[in-house]
Each structure stands twice: as C-alpha cells, then as structure tokens.
C-alpha atoms as a PDB file:
ATOM      1  CA  MET A   1      23.518  10.106   2.303  1.00  0.00           C
ATOM      2  CA  ASP A   2      20.709  10.964  -0.478  1.00  0.00           C
ATOM      3  CA  GLU A   3      20.721  14.608  -1.786  1.00  0.00           C
ATOM      4  CA  ASP A   4      17.025  14.468  -1.925  1.00  0.00           C
ATOM      5  CA  THR A   5      15.844  15.355   1.543  1.00  0.00           C
ATOM      6  CA  GLY A   6      12.726  16.963   3.132  1.00  0.00           C
ATOM      7  CA  ASP A   7       9.489  15.689   0.992  1.00  0.00           C
ATOM      8  CA  GLU A   8      10.902  12.025   0.932  1.00  0.00           C
ATOM      9  CA  ARG A   9       8.556  11.027   3.403  1.00  0.00           C
ATOM     10  CA  LEU A  10       5.311   9.275   2.946  1.00  0.00           C
ATOM     11  CA  GLY A  11       2.275  11.056   4.018  1.00  0.00           C
ATOM     12  CA  ARG A  12      -0.001   9.660   7.134  1.00  0.00           C
ATOM     13  CA  ARG A  13      -2.220   8.282   4.279  1.00  0.00           C
ATOM     14  CA  GLU A  14       0.579   6.358   2.902  1.00  0.00           C
ATOM     15  CA  ARG A  15       1.869   5.052   5.677  1.00  0.00           C
ATOM     16  CA  ASP A  16      -1.490   3.953   7.225  1.00  0.00           C
ATOM     17  CA  ILE A  17      -2.152   2.289   3.696  1.00  0.00           C
ATOM     18  CA  LEU A  18       1.006   0.134   3.993  1.00  0.00           C
ATOM     19  CA  ALA A  19       0.195  -0.705   7.406  1.00  0.00           C
ATOM     20  CA  LEU A  20      -3.202  -2.074   6.656  1.00  0.00           C
ATOM     21  CA  GLU A  21      -1.395  -4.004   4.062  1.00  0.00           C
ATOM     22  CA  ARG A  22       1.026  -5.839   6.672  1.00  0.00           C
ATOM     23  CA  ARG A  23      -1.743  -7.054   8.618  1.00  0.00           C
ATOM     24  CA  GLY A  24      -3.586 -10.622   8.281  1.00  0.00           C
ATOM     25  CA  PHE A  25      -7.368 -10.217   7.610  1.00  0.00           C
ATOM     26  CA  SER A  26     -10.144 -13.395   8.896  1.00  0.00           C
ATOM     27  CA  GLY A  27     -12.768 -13.915   6.714  1.00  0.00           C
ATOM     28  CA  PRO A  28     -14.421 -12.230   3.635  1.00  0.00           C
ATOM     29  CA  GLY A  29     -15.090  -8.587   3.962  1.00  0.00           C
ATOM     30  CA  ALA A  30     -12.508  -8.020   6.700  1.00  0.00           C
ATOM     31  CA  LYS A  31     -10.275  -5.959   4.700  1.00  0.00           C
ATOM     32  CA  GLU A  32     -12.286  -4.064   2.952  1.00  0.00           C
ATOM     33  CA  ARG A  33     -14.302  -3.198   6.573  1.00  0.00           C
ATOM     34  CA  ALA A  34     -10.762  -2.193   7.767  1.00  0.00           C
ATOM     35  CA  ILE A  35     -10.363   0.178   4.946  1.00  0.00           C
ATOM     36  CA  ARG A  36     -13.839   1.947   5.570  1.00  0.00           C
ATOM     37  CA  GLU A  37     -13.478   2.110   9.261  1.00  0.00           C
ATOM     38  CA  GLU A  38     -10.090   3.065   9.553  1.00  0.00           C
ATOM     39  CA  LEU A  39      -9.068   4.905   6.949  1.00  0.00           C
ATOM     40  CA  GLY A  40     -12.520   6.375   5.806  1.00  0.00           C
ATOM     41  CA  LEU A  41     -11.907   5.315   2.303  1.00  0.00           C
ATOM     42  CA  ALA A  42     -13.915   3.269  -0.287  1.00  0.00           C
ATOM     43  CA  PRO A  43     -11.990   0.142  -1.415  1.00  0.00           C
ATOM     44  CA  VAL A  44     -11.975   0.886  -5.003  1.00  0.00           C
ATOM     45  CA  ARG A  45      -9.857   4.493  -3.945  1.00  0.00           C
ATOM     46  CA  TYR A  46      -7.774   2.771  -1.753  1.00  0.00           C
ATOM     47  CA  PHE A  47      -6.823  -0.136  -4.173  1.00  0.00           C
ATOM     48  CA  GLN A  48      -6.311   2.910  -6.645  1.00  0.00           C
ATOM     49  CA  LEU A  49      -4.004   4.949  -4.102  1.00  0.00           C
ATOM     50  CA  LEU A  50      -2.186   1.368  -3.039  1.00  0.00           C
ATOM     51  CA  ASN A  51      -1.418   0.640  -6.746  1.00  0.00           C
ATOM     52  CA  ALA A  52       0.226   4.231  -7.353  1.00  0.00           C
ATOM     53  CA  LEU A  53       2.066   3.673  -3.907  1.00  0.00           C
ATOM     54  CA  LEU A  54       3.531   0.339  -5.061  1.00  0.00           C
ATOM     55  CA  ASP A  55       5.712   2.833  -8.007  1.00  0.00           C
ATOM     56  CA  ASP A  56       6.582   5.196  -5.483  1.00  0.00           C
ATOM     57  CA  PRO A  57      10.453   5.293  -4.196  1.00  0.00           C
ATOM     58  CA  ARG A  58       9.377   6.692  -0.946  1.00  0.00           C
ATOM     59  CA  ALA A  59       7.142   3.439  -0.305  1.00  0.00           C
ATOM     60  CA  LEU A  60       9.749   0.994  -1.135  1.00  0.00           C
ATOM     61  CA  SER A  61      12.306   2.800   0.991  1.00  0.00           C
ATOM     62  CA  HIS A  62       9.714   2.944   4.039  1.00  0.00           C
ATOM     63  CA  ASP A  63       8.275  -0.785   3.831  1.00  0.00           C
ATOM     64  CA  PRO A  64      10.644  -2.558   1.186  1.00  0.00           C
ATOM     65  CA  VAL A  65       9.288  -5.897   2.336  1.00  0.00           C
ATOM     66  CA  THR A  66       5.860  -5.072   2.104  1.00  0.00           C
ATOM     67  CA  VAL A  67       6.162  -2.892  -1.134  1.00  0.00           C
ATOM     68  CA  ASN A  68       8.188  -5.716  -2.946  1.00  0.00           C
ATOM     69  CA  ARG A  69       5.367  -8.461  -1.701  1.00  0.00           C
ATOM     70  CA  LEU A  70       2.396  -6.360  -3.284  1.00  0.00           C
ATOM     71  CA  ARG A  71       4.566  -5.899  -6.606  1.00  0.00           C
ATOM     72  CA  ARG A  72       4.953  -9.570  -6.946  1.00  0.00           C
ATOM     73  CA  ILE A  73       1.723 -10.280  -6.607  1.00  0.00           C
ATOM     74  CA  ARG A  74       0.858  -7.163  -8.791  1.00  0.00           C
ATOM     75  CA  ASP A  75       3.400  -8.569 -11.233  1.00  0.00           C
ATOM     76  CA  THR A  76       1.995 -12.216 -11.488  1.00  0.00           C
ATOM     77  CA  ARG A  77      -1.858 -11.152 -11.568  1.00  0.00           C
ATOM     78  CA  ARG A  78      -1.321  -8.845 -14.671  1.00  0.00           C
ATOM     79  CA  ALA A  79       1.052 -11.710 -16.292  1.00  0.00           C
ATOM     80  CA  GLU A  80      -2.277 -14.073 -15.647  1.00  0.00           C
ATOM     81  CA  ARG A  81      -4.648 -11.589 -17.652  1.00  0.00           C
END
C-alpha cells in the first residue's frame, strides 16, 4: 500500500479533463465546443492544464490508458518539431 494518502486523488476538474480526452469527437470544432460548454475553459487554458496533467503521477494512476496514449502523441509531436 502507498504511504502517500489523502491528497493523492485528482480533483474534479482534472478527472473531467481526462474524461473528455477519452471521448471521440466528430467534426472540426466539436472538441473545442465541449471544452467551452462542459468545462467552462478556453481551449488554450484546457490544453495547458492537460499538458501539466500528463506529467502528474496521480493522473497516470487514475487513467493509465488515456494518459499513456496522450503522452505518446505529445512525444511524437515534440520529436517532429
């Protein structure tokens, strides 16, 4: 069992961001609309929070499949630059 307890759970906003990333979106602009309407965030701020979340070990524990998939995408894009 982990020695770290208590604050190790993700907050509601972080969980909502990961849940949104698990969904598929049809058509251009659908994801940005969902970000604004469901989370009340500007897309730029959303992607800043998401990027930080991908480096958070709590996010990896909460949803390893989604976090690892997004990390791979991020790493590929960085390598292409």
